[in-house]
Amino acid sequence: MMRQLERMAMLRVIDTLWVNHLTGWTSCARHWPAGLCQRNPLIEYKREAHDMFDSLTANIRRDIVHSIYF
């Protein structure tokens, strides 16, 4: 029973944060052209994607632990 509750909590956290992550991409695309200036767009895109994914995985870990233990 506990494993099932843990699994449901994990899926809820991942689902919520994934939707927020995808929404963040749409807002990121709006401010991109002004922020590029003299930089290579592909490198900036990769950097931004990496930073956003690292943030997503850190938030997933934090929120799962918080939802299960607190």
N, C-alpha and C. Protein backbone atom coordinates (compact mmCIF):
# COMPACT_ATOMS: atom_id res chain seq x y z
N MET A 1 0.83 -1.20 0.00
CA MET A 1 0.00 0.00 0.00
C MET A 1 0.88 1.26 0.00
N MET A 2 1.94 1.27 0.82
CA MET A 2 2.82 2.44 0.89
C MET A 2 3.51 2.70 -0.44
N ARG A 3 3.96 1.63 -1.11
CA ARG A 3 4.61 1.79 -2.41
C ARG A 3 3.67 2.41 -3.44
N GLN A 4 2.43 2.02 -3.39
CA GLN A 4 1.43 2.58 -4.31
C GLN A 4 1.24 4.08 -4.05
N LEU A 5 1.18 4.47 -2.78
CA LEU A 5 1.05 5.89 -2.44
C LEU A 5 2.29 6.68 -2.86
N GLU A 6 3.47 6.10 -2.66
CA GLU A 6 4.71 6.75 -3.09
C GLU A 6 4.72 6.94 -4.61
N ARG A 7 4.30 5.91 -5.32
CA ARG A 7 4.26 5.98 -6.78
C ARG A 7 3.30 7.06 -7.26
N MET A 8 2.14 7.15 -6.63
CA MET A 8 1.16 8.17 -7.01
C MET A 8 1.70 9.57 -6.72
N ALA A 9 2.38 9.74 -5.58
CA ALA A 9 2.95 11.05 -5.24
C ALA A 9 4.03 11.43 -6.24
N MET A 10 4.87 10.47 -6.60
CA MET A 10 5.93 10.75 -7.57
C MET A 10 5.36 11.15 -8.93
N LEU A 11 4.37 10.42 -9.39
CA LEU A 11 3.77 10.74 -10.68
C LEU A 11 3.09 12.11 -10.68
N ARG A 12 2.45 12.45 -9.57
CA ARG A 12 1.80 13.76 -9.47
C ARG A 12 2.83 14.88 -9.53
N VAL A 13 3.93 14.72 -8.80
CA VAL A 13 4.99 15.74 -8.80
C VAL A 13 5.61 15.86 -10.18
N ILE A 14 5.97 14.73 -10.78
CA ILE A 14 6.60 14.76 -12.10
C ILE A 14 5.67 15.38 -13.13
N ASP A 15 4.41 15.00 -13.10
CA ASP A 15 3.45 15.54 -14.07
C ASP A 15 3.32 17.06 -13.93
N THR A 16 3.18 17.53 -12.72
CA THR A 16 3.04 18.97 -12.48
C THR A 16 4.27 19.74 -12.94
N LEU A 17 5.44 19.25 -12.55
CA LEU A 17 6.67 19.96 -12.90
C LEU A 17 6.98 19.87 -14.39
N TRP A 18 6.60 18.76 -15.03
CA TRP A 18 6.83 18.63 -16.48
C TRP A 18 5.97 19.65 -17.23
N VAL A 19 4.72 19.80 -16.82
CA VAL A 19 3.86 20.80 -17.46
C VAL A 19 4.44 22.21 -17.26
N ASN A 20 4.91 22.50 -16.07
CA ASN A 20 5.54 23.80 -15.81
C ASN A 20 6.80 23.99 -16.65
N HIS A 21 7.56 22.91 -16.83
CA HIS A 21 8.77 22.96 -17.65
C HIS A 21 8.43 23.30 -19.10
N LEU A 22 7.41 22.63 -19.64
CA LEU A 22 7.00 22.91 -21.02
C LEU A 22 6.45 24.32 -21.18
N THR A 23 5.74 24.79 -20.17
CA THR A 23 5.23 26.16 -20.19
C THR A 23 6.40 27.14 -20.14
N GLY A 24 7.43 26.81 -19.41
CA GLY A 24 8.62 27.65 -19.35
C GLY A 24 9.30 27.78 -20.69
N TRP A 25 9.25 26.75 -21.50
CA TRP A 25 9.84 26.83 -22.85
C TRP A 25 9.10 27.84 -23.71
N THR A 26 7.79 27.92 -23.58
CA THR A 26 7.06 28.88 -24.41
C THR A 26 7.37 30.30 -23.97
N SER A 27 7.53 30.53 -22.67
CA SER A 27 7.88 31.88 -22.22
C SER A 27 9.33 32.19 -22.56
N CYS A 28 10.18 31.19 -22.55
CA CYS A 28 11.58 31.38 -22.91
C CYS A 28 11.69 31.81 -24.37
N ALA A 29 10.90 31.23 -25.23
CA ALA A 29 10.95 31.55 -26.66
C ALA A 29 10.56 33.01 -26.92
N ARG A 30 9.72 33.57 -26.06
CA ARG A 30 9.29 34.95 -26.25
C ARG A 30 10.41 35.95 -26.01
N HIS A 31 11.29 35.69 -25.04
CA HIS A 31 12.33 36.67 -24.72
C HIS A 31 13.65 36.36 -25.41
N TRP A 32 13.71 35.32 -26.20
CA TRP A 32 14.97 34.93 -26.81
C TRP A 32 15.57 35.92 -27.78
N PRO A 33 14.87 36.37 -28.78
CA PRO A 33 15.52 37.23 -29.78
C PRO A 33 16.22 38.45 -29.19
N ALA A 34 15.63 39.06 -28.19
CA ALA A 34 16.25 40.25 -27.59
C ALA A 34 17.50 39.87 -26.80
N GLY A 35 17.55 38.68 -26.24
CA GLY A 35 18.66 38.28 -25.41
C GLY A 35 19.84 37.70 -26.16
N LEU A 36 19.69 37.44 -27.44
CA LEU A 36 20.77 36.79 -28.17
C LEU A 36 21.93 37.72 -28.49
N CYS A 37 21.65 38.93 -28.95
CA CYS A 37 22.66 39.92 -29.30
C CYS A 37 23.70 39.32 -30.24
N GLN A 38 24.95 39.26 -29.80
CA GLN A 38 26.04 38.79 -30.65
C GLN A 38 26.41 37.33 -30.39
N ARG A 39 25.57 36.60 -29.71
CA ARG A 39 25.90 35.22 -29.36
C ARG A 39 25.37 34.24 -30.40
N ASN A 40 25.98 33.06 -30.43
CA ASN A 40 25.54 32.00 -31.33
C ASN A 40 24.21 31.44 -30.80
N PRO A 41 23.14 31.49 -31.60
CA PRO A 41 21.82 31.06 -31.11
C PRO A 41 21.78 29.58 -30.72
N LEU A 42 22.49 28.73 -31.45
CA LEU A 42 22.46 27.30 -31.13
C LEU A 42 23.12 27.03 -29.77
N ILE A 43 24.23 27.67 -29.51
CA ILE A 43 24.91 27.51 -28.23
C ILE A 43 24.05 28.04 -27.10
N GLU A 44 23.41 29.18 -27.30
CA GLU A 44 22.53 29.75 -26.27
C GLU A 44 21.33 28.85 -26.01
N TYR A 45 20.77 28.28 -27.08
CA TYR A 45 19.63 27.37 -26.95
C TYR A 45 20.04 26.14 -26.13
N LYS A 46 21.19 25.56 -26.44
CA LYS A 46 21.66 24.39 -25.71
C LYS A 46 21.93 24.71 -24.25
N ARG A 47 22.53 25.86 -23.99
CA ARG A 47 22.83 26.26 -22.62
C ARG A 47 21.53 26.44 -21.83
N GLU A 48 20.58 27.13 -22.44
CA GLU A 48 19.29 27.36 -21.78
C GLU A 48 18.57 26.05 -21.52
N ALA A 49 18.59 25.14 -22.50
CA ALA A 49 17.93 23.84 -22.35
C ALA A 49 18.57 23.04 -21.22
N HIS A 50 19.88 23.05 -21.16
CA HIS A 50 20.59 22.32 -20.11
C HIS A 50 20.27 22.88 -18.73
N ASP A 51 20.28 24.19 -18.62
CA ASP A 51 19.96 24.82 -17.33
C ASP A 51 18.53 24.52 -16.90
N MET A 52 17.60 24.57 -17.84
CA MET A 52 16.20 24.31 -17.51
C MET A 52 16.00 22.85 -17.11
N PHE A 53 16.69 21.92 -17.79
CA PHE A 53 16.54 20.50 -17.45
C PHE A 53 17.15 20.20 -16.09
N ASP A 54 18.30 20.79 -15.79
CA ASP A 54 18.90 20.61 -14.47
C ASP A 54 17.97 21.13 -13.38
N SER A 55 17.36 22.25 -13.63
CA SER A 55 16.41 22.81 -12.67
C SER A 55 15.21 21.89 -12.51
N LEU A 56 14.71 21.35 -13.60
CA LEU A 56 13.57 20.43 -13.55
C LEU A 56 13.89 19.21 -12.71
N THR A 57 15.03 18.57 -12.95
CA THR A 57 15.36 17.36 -12.20
C THR A 57 15.59 17.66 -10.72
N ALA A 58 16.21 18.78 -10.41
CA ALA A 58 16.41 19.16 -9.01
C ALA A 58 15.07 19.40 -8.32
N ASN A 59 14.16 20.08 -9.00
CA ASN A 59 12.84 20.35 -8.43
C ASN A 59 12.04 19.07 -8.24
N ILE A 60 12.17 18.13 -9.18
CA ILE A 60 11.46 16.84 -9.04
C ILE A 60 11.96 16.12 -7.80
N ARG A 61 13.27 16.04 -7.64
CA ARG A 61 13.82 15.36 -6.46
C ARG A 61 13.35 16.03 -5.17
N ARG A 62 13.44 17.34 -5.12
CA ARG A 62 13.06 18.08 -3.91
C ARG A 62 11.57 17.89 -3.60
N ASP A 63 10.72 18.03 -4.60
CA ASP A 63 9.29 17.96 -4.36
C ASP A 63 8.83 16.53 -4.01
N ILE A 64 9.47 15.52 -4.59
CA ILE A 64 9.11 14.14 -4.25
C ILE A 64 9.45 13.86 -2.79
N VAL A 65 10.63 14.23 -2.39
CA VAL A 65 11.02 14.03 -0.99
C VAL A 65 10.09 14.80 -0.06
N HIS A 66 9.79 16.03 -0.42
CA HIS A 66 8.91 16.85 0.40
C HIS A 66 7.52 16.24 0.50
N SER A 67 6.97 15.76 -0.61
CA SER A 67 5.61 15.24 -0.59
C SER A 67 5.52 13.90 0.14
N ILE A 68 6.58 13.10 0.15
CA ILE A 68 6.52 11.80 0.81
C ILE A 68 6.82 11.92 2.30
N TYR A 69 7.80 12.74 2.67
CA TYR A 69 8.24 12.77 4.06
C TYR A 69 7.67 13.90 4.91
N PHE A 70 7.02 14.87 4.29
CA PHE A 70 6.50 15.99 5.07
C PHE A 70 5.02 16.11 4.95
